[in-house]
């Protein structure tokens, strides 16, 4: 099964065809490759509201239900991924001794 053509857009970085889906776990947007992939680890379905939904295929729920197709998250295959963000905005320590006020 393929996604409806009106959902397919191009990645802004690598220009590959993708679809934007909402995750079933927390409702966040996730880009997914538009072409079905048997090696993919997510299952995409078209909701009754016309929105595409994605869920992770896990060992506990490995089956693909009727109306779903297996796909690959686009973050795993993008040839021009965005630069990595720093964690928390904290600077790394240089390993030097912390300066303390001089006392006599």
N, C-alpha and C. Protein backbone atom coordinates (compact mmCIF):
# COMPACT_ATOMS: atom_id res chain seq x y z
N UNK A 1 0.85 -1.18 0.00
CA UNK A 1 0.00 0.00 0.00
C UNK A 1 0.89 1.23 0.00
N UNK A 2 0.49 2.25 -0.72
CA UNK A 2 1.25 3.48 -0.79
C UNK A 2 0.43 4.61 -0.18
N UNK A 3 1.10 5.68 0.28
CA UNK A 3 0.35 6.82 0.82
C UNK A 3 -0.36 7.57 -0.30
N UNK A 4 -1.46 8.24 0.01
CA UNK A 4 -2.12 9.07 -1.00
C UNK A 4 -1.17 10.13 -1.54
N UNK A 5 -1.28 10.45 -2.81
CA UNK A 5 -0.33 11.36 -3.46
C UNK A 5 -0.38 12.76 -2.88
N UNK A 6 -1.50 13.19 -2.31
CA UNK A 6 -1.57 14.55 -1.77
C UNK A 6 -0.78 14.69 -0.45
N UNK A 7 -0.35 13.59 0.14
CA UNK A 7 0.46 13.64 1.36
C UNK A 7 1.96 13.70 1.04
N UNK A 8 2.36 13.35 -0.16
CA UNK A 8 3.79 13.24 -0.50
C UNK A 8 4.37 14.63 -0.76
N UNK A 9 5.47 14.92 -0.05
CA UNK A 9 6.24 16.16 -0.23
C UNK A 9 7.71 15.77 -0.39
N UNK A 10 8.55 16.74 -0.65
CA UNK A 10 9.98 16.47 -0.79
C UNK A 10 10.72 16.98 0.44
N UNK A 11 11.73 16.23 0.85
CA UNK A 11 12.59 16.63 1.96
C UNK A 11 13.32 17.91 1.55
N UNK A 12 13.40 18.88 2.45
CA UNK A 12 14.05 20.15 2.14
C UNK A 12 15.56 20.02 2.00
N UNK A 13 16.14 18.95 2.50
CA UNK A 13 17.59 18.79 2.45
C UNK A 13 18.05 17.87 1.32
N UNK A 14 17.40 16.72 1.15
CA UNK A 14 17.87 15.76 0.14
C UNK A 14 16.88 15.59 -1.02
N UNK A 15 15.72 16.23 -0.94
CA UNK A 15 14.70 16.21 -1.99
C UNK A 15 14.09 14.83 -2.24
N UNK A 16 14.20 13.93 -1.29
CA UNK A 16 13.57 12.62 -1.41
C UNK A 16 12.08 12.74 -1.09
N UNK A 17 11.23 11.91 -1.69
CA UNK A 17 9.80 11.97 -1.37
C UNK A 17 9.53 11.41 0.03
N UNK A 18 8.83 12.20 0.84
CA UNK A 18 8.50 11.81 2.22
C UNK A 18 7.04 12.12 2.49
N UNK A 19 6.54 11.58 3.58
CA UNK A 19 5.22 11.95 4.10
C UNK A 19 5.39 12.31 5.57
N UNK A 20 4.63 13.29 6.03
CA UNK A 20 4.65 13.66 7.43
C UNK A 20 3.52 12.92 8.14
N UNK A 21 3.85 12.28 9.24
CA UNK A 21 2.88 11.49 10.00
C UNK A 21 2.86 11.99 11.44
N UNK A 22 1.80 11.67 12.14
CA UNK A 22 1.72 11.91 13.58
C UNK A 22 1.98 10.59 14.28
N UNK A 23 2.82 10.63 15.32
CA UNK A 23 3.10 9.40 16.06
C UNK A 23 1.91 9.06 16.94
N UNK A 24 1.61 7.78 17.05
CA UNK A 24 0.50 7.37 17.90
C UNK A 24 0.87 7.45 19.37
N UNK A 25 2.16 7.45 19.69
CA UNK A 25 2.60 7.48 21.08
C UNK A 25 2.39 8.85 21.72
N UNK A 26 2.79 9.93 21.00
CA UNK A 26 2.71 11.24 21.63
C UNK A 26 2.21 12.34 20.69
N UNK A 27 1.81 12.02 19.49
CA UNK A 27 1.24 13.01 18.59
C UNK A 27 2.23 13.97 17.96
N UNK A 28 3.51 13.63 17.98
CA UNK A 28 4.52 14.49 17.37
C UNK A 28 4.66 14.15 15.89
N UNK A 29 5.12 15.13 15.10
CA UNK A 29 5.30 14.92 13.67
C UNK A 29 6.59 14.15 13.40
N UNK A 30 6.52 13.22 12.46
CA UNK A 30 7.68 12.42 12.09
C UNK A 30 7.70 12.25 10.57
N UNK A 31 8.85 12.55 9.93
CA UNK A 31 8.94 12.30 8.50
C UNK A 31 9.23 10.83 8.23
N UNK A 32 8.55 10.28 7.25
CA UNK A 32 8.68 8.87 6.88
C UNK A 32 8.87 8.81 5.37
N UNK A 33 9.73 7.92 4.90
CA UNK A 33 9.90 7.75 3.46
C UNK A 33 8.57 7.37 2.83
N UNK A 34 8.29 7.95 1.66
CA UNK A 34 6.99 7.74 1.02
C UNK A 34 6.84 6.33 0.45
N UNK A 35 7.93 5.70 0.06
CA UNK A 35 7.82 4.37 -0.52
C UNK A 35 7.81 3.31 0.57
N UNK A 36 6.94 2.31 0.45
CA UNK A 36 6.93 1.21 1.43
C UNK A 36 8.27 0.48 1.43
N UNK A 37 8.67 -0.02 2.60
CA UNK A 37 9.96 -0.69 2.75
C UNK A 37 9.78 -1.85 3.72
N UNK A 38 10.03 -3.06 3.25
CA UNK A 38 9.88 -4.25 4.10
C UNK A 38 10.90 -4.28 5.24
N UNK A 39 12.00 -3.54 5.12
CA UNK A 39 13.01 -3.48 6.17
C UNK A 39 12.70 -2.38 7.19
N UNK A 40 11.67 -1.60 6.97
CA UNK A 40 11.33 -0.48 7.85
C UNK A 40 10.88 -0.94 9.22
N UNK A 41 10.98 -0.03 10.19
CA UNK A 41 10.59 -0.38 11.56
C UNK A 41 9.40 0.43 12.05
N UNK A 42 8.63 1.04 11.12
CA UNK A 42 7.42 1.73 11.50
C UNK A 42 6.28 1.27 10.60
N UNK A 43 5.07 1.37 11.13
CA UNK A 43 3.87 1.05 10.37
C UNK A 43 3.06 2.32 10.22
N UNK A 44 2.67 2.64 8.99
CA UNK A 44 1.94 3.87 8.69
C UNK A 44 0.51 3.50 8.31
N UNK A 45 -0.45 4.29 8.81
CA UNK A 45 -1.85 4.06 8.45
C UNK A 45 -2.51 5.40 8.17
N UNK A 46 -3.53 5.34 7.34
CA UNK A 46 -4.30 6.53 7.01
C UNK A 46 -5.50 6.57 7.94
N UNK A 47 -5.57 7.58 8.81
CA UNK A 47 -6.66 7.67 9.77
C UNK A 47 -7.97 8.08 9.13
N UNK A 48 -9.06 7.92 9.85
CA UNK A 48 -10.38 8.29 9.35
C UNK A 48 -10.49 9.79 9.12
N UNK A 49 -9.65 10.58 9.81
CA UNK A 49 -9.65 12.03 9.65
C UNK A 49 -8.77 12.50 8.50
N UNK A 50 -8.17 11.55 7.75
CA UNK A 50 -7.33 11.90 6.61
C UNK A 50 -5.89 12.16 6.95
N UNK A 51 -5.52 12.01 8.22
CA UNK A 51 -4.15 12.23 8.69
C UNK A 51 -3.42 10.89 8.69
N UNK A 52 -2.13 10.92 8.34
CA UNK A 52 -1.32 9.70 8.40
C UNK A 52 -0.79 9.54 9.82
N UNK A 53 -0.87 8.34 10.34
CA UNK A 53 -0.37 8.02 11.68
C UNK A 53 0.72 6.96 11.56
N UNK A 54 1.70 7.04 12.45
CA UNK A 54 2.82 6.11 12.43
C UNK A 54 3.01 5.53 13.82
N UNK A 55 3.35 4.26 13.86
CA UNK A 55 3.68 3.60 15.12
C UNK A 55 4.91 2.75 14.89
N UNK A 56 5.64 2.50 15.95
CA UNK A 56 6.84 1.69 15.86
C UNK A 56 6.46 0.21 15.86
N UNK A 57 7.10 -0.54 14.99
CA UNK A 57 6.91 -1.99 14.96
C UNK A 57 7.90 -2.58 15.97
N UNK A 58 7.37 -3.20 17.01
CA UNK A 58 8.20 -3.73 18.09
C UNK A 58 8.04 -5.25 18.16
N UNK A 59 8.83 -5.86 19.01
CA UNK A 59 8.72 -7.30 19.22
C UNK A 59 7.38 -7.65 19.84
N UNK A 60 6.83 -6.75 20.65
CA UNK A 60 5.55 -7.00 21.28
C UNK A 60 4.40 -6.86 20.28
N UNK A 61 4.57 -5.97 19.26
CA UNK A 61 3.54 -5.76 18.24
C UNK A 61 4.18 -5.78 16.85
N UNK A 62 4.63 -6.94 16.39
CA UNK A 62 5.32 -7.02 15.10
C UNK A 62 4.40 -7.11 13.89
N UNK A 63 3.11 -7.34 14.14
CA UNK A 63 2.19 -7.56 13.02
C UNK A 63 1.80 -6.24 12.35
N UNK A 64 1.60 -6.31 11.04
CA UNK A 64 1.12 -5.18 10.27
C UNK A 64 -0.37 -5.41 10.06
N UNK A 65 -1.17 -4.47 10.55
CA UNK A 65 -2.62 -4.61 10.47
C UNK A 65 -3.13 -4.28 9.07
N UNK A 66 -4.35 -4.68 8.75
CA UNK A 66 -4.93 -4.30 7.46
C UNK A 66 -5.03 -2.77 7.37
N UNK A 67 -4.64 -2.22 6.23
CA UNK A 67 -4.67 -0.77 6.05
C UNK A 67 -3.36 -0.09 6.41
N UNK A 68 -2.40 -0.83 6.97
CA UNK A 68 -1.09 -0.28 7.31
C UNK A 68 -0.06 -0.74 6.29
N UNK A 69 1.03 0.01 6.20
CA UNK A 69 2.17 -0.43 5.41
C UNK A 69 3.44 -0.13 6.17
N UNK A 70 4.44 -0.96 5.96
CA UNK A 70 5.72 -0.84 6.65
C UNK A 70 6.57 0.17 5.90
N UNK A 71 7.22 1.05 6.64
CA UNK A 71 8.05 2.10 6.04
C UNK A 71 9.27 2.36 6.91
N UNK A 72 10.17 3.19 6.39
CA UNK A 72 11.40 3.56 7.09
C UNK A 72 11.32 5.03 7.49
N UNK A 73 11.67 5.37 8.74
CA UNK A 73 11.73 6.78 9.12
C UNK A 73 12.76 7.49 8.25
N UNK A 74 12.44 8.71 7.82
CA UNK A 74 13.33 9.41 6.90
C UNK A 74 14.64 9.81 7.56
N UNK A 75 14.64 10.00 8.88
CA UNK A 75 15.89 10.36 9.59
C UNK A 75 16.96 9.29 9.39
N UNK A 76 16.54 8.06 9.19
CA UNK A 76 17.50 6.96 9.04
C UNK A 76 18.13 6.91 7.65
N UNK A 77 17.48 7.52 6.65
CA UNK A 77 17.98 7.40 5.29
C UNK A 77 18.32 8.72 4.63
N UNK A 78 18.11 9.85 5.28
CA UNK A 78 18.37 11.16 4.67
C UNK A 78 19.86 11.30 4.37
N UNK A 79 20.17 11.70 3.13
CA UNK A 79 21.57 11.84 2.73
C UNK A 79 22.16 13.17 3.18
N UNK A 80 21.33 14.12 3.61
CA UNK A 80 21.81 15.43 4.09
C UNK A 80 21.12 15.76 5.41
N UNK A 81 21.43 15.02 6.48
CA UNK A 81 20.73 15.26 7.74
C UNK A 81 21.11 16.61 8.34
N UNK A 82 20.23 17.19 9.16
CA UNK A 82 20.56 18.46 9.80
C UNK A 82 21.70 18.26 10.79
N UNK A 83 22.43 19.35 11.11
CA UNK A 83 23.52 19.22 12.09
C UNK A 83 22.97 18.85 13.45
N UNK A 84 23.76 18.09 14.18
CA UNK A 84 23.34 17.65 15.52
C UNK A 84 23.30 18.83 16.46
N UNK A 85 22.33 18.82 17.34
CA UNK A 85 22.20 19.87 18.35
C UNK A 85 23.03 19.51 19.57
N UNK A 86 23.47 20.54 20.28
CA UNK A 86 24.20 20.28 21.51
C UNK A 86 23.21 19.88 22.59
N UNK A 87 23.67 19.17 23.58
CA UNK A 87 22.78 18.70 24.64
C UNK A 87 22.69 19.72 25.76
N UNK A 88 21.54 20.34 25.92
CA UNK A 88 21.29 21.21 27.05
C UNK A 88 21.93 22.57 26.99
N UNK A 89 22.72 22.87 26.00
CA UNK A 89 23.33 24.18 25.88
C UNK A 89 24.45 24.45 26.88
N UNK A 90 24.91 23.43 27.59
CA UNK A 90 25.98 23.61 28.56
C UNK A 90 27.32 23.43 27.86
N UNK A 91 28.29 24.21 28.28
CA UNK A 91 29.61 24.08 27.70
C UNK A 91 30.35 22.91 28.33
N UNK A 92 31.16 22.28 27.54
CA UNK A 92 31.96 21.18 28.06
C UNK A 92 33.09 21.74 28.93
N UNK A 93 33.41 21.03 29.96
CA UNK A 93 34.50 21.49 30.82
C UNK A 93 35.82 21.23 30.14
N UNK A 94 36.78 22.13 30.38
CA UNK A 94 38.07 21.99 29.72
C UNK A 94 39.05 21.13 30.52
N UNK A 95 38.66 20.73 31.70
CA UNK A 95 39.54 19.91 32.51
C UNK A 95 40.49 20.75 33.36
N UNK A 96 40.38 22.05 33.26
CA UNK A 96 41.26 22.93 34.03
C UNK A 96 40.72 23.09 35.45
N UNK A 97 41.55 23.65 36.30
CA UNK A 97 41.17 23.88 37.68
C UNK A 97 40.26 25.10 37.73
N UNK A 98 39.20 25.01 38.52
CA UNK A 98 38.28 26.13 38.66
C UNK A 98 39.00 27.28 39.36
N UNK A 99 38.94 28.49 38.81
CA UNK A 99 39.60 29.62 39.47
C UNK A 99 38.88 29.99 40.77
N UNK A 100 39.66 30.28 41.80
CA UNK A 100 39.12 30.72 43.09
C UNK A 100 39.77 32.04 43.47
N UNK A 101 39.10 32.84 44.24
CA UNK A 101 39.71 34.12 44.65
C UNK A 101 41.00 33.86 45.46
N UNK A 102 42.00 34.71 45.25
CA UNK A 102 43.25 34.61 45.96
C UNK A 102 43.06 35.07 47.38
N UNK A 103 43.57 34.28 48.33
CA UNK A 103 43.47 34.65 49.75
C UNK A 103 44.84 34.64 50.37
N UNK A 104 45.12 35.60 51.27
CA UNK A 104 46.40 35.65 51.96
C UNK A 104 46.29 35.11 53.33
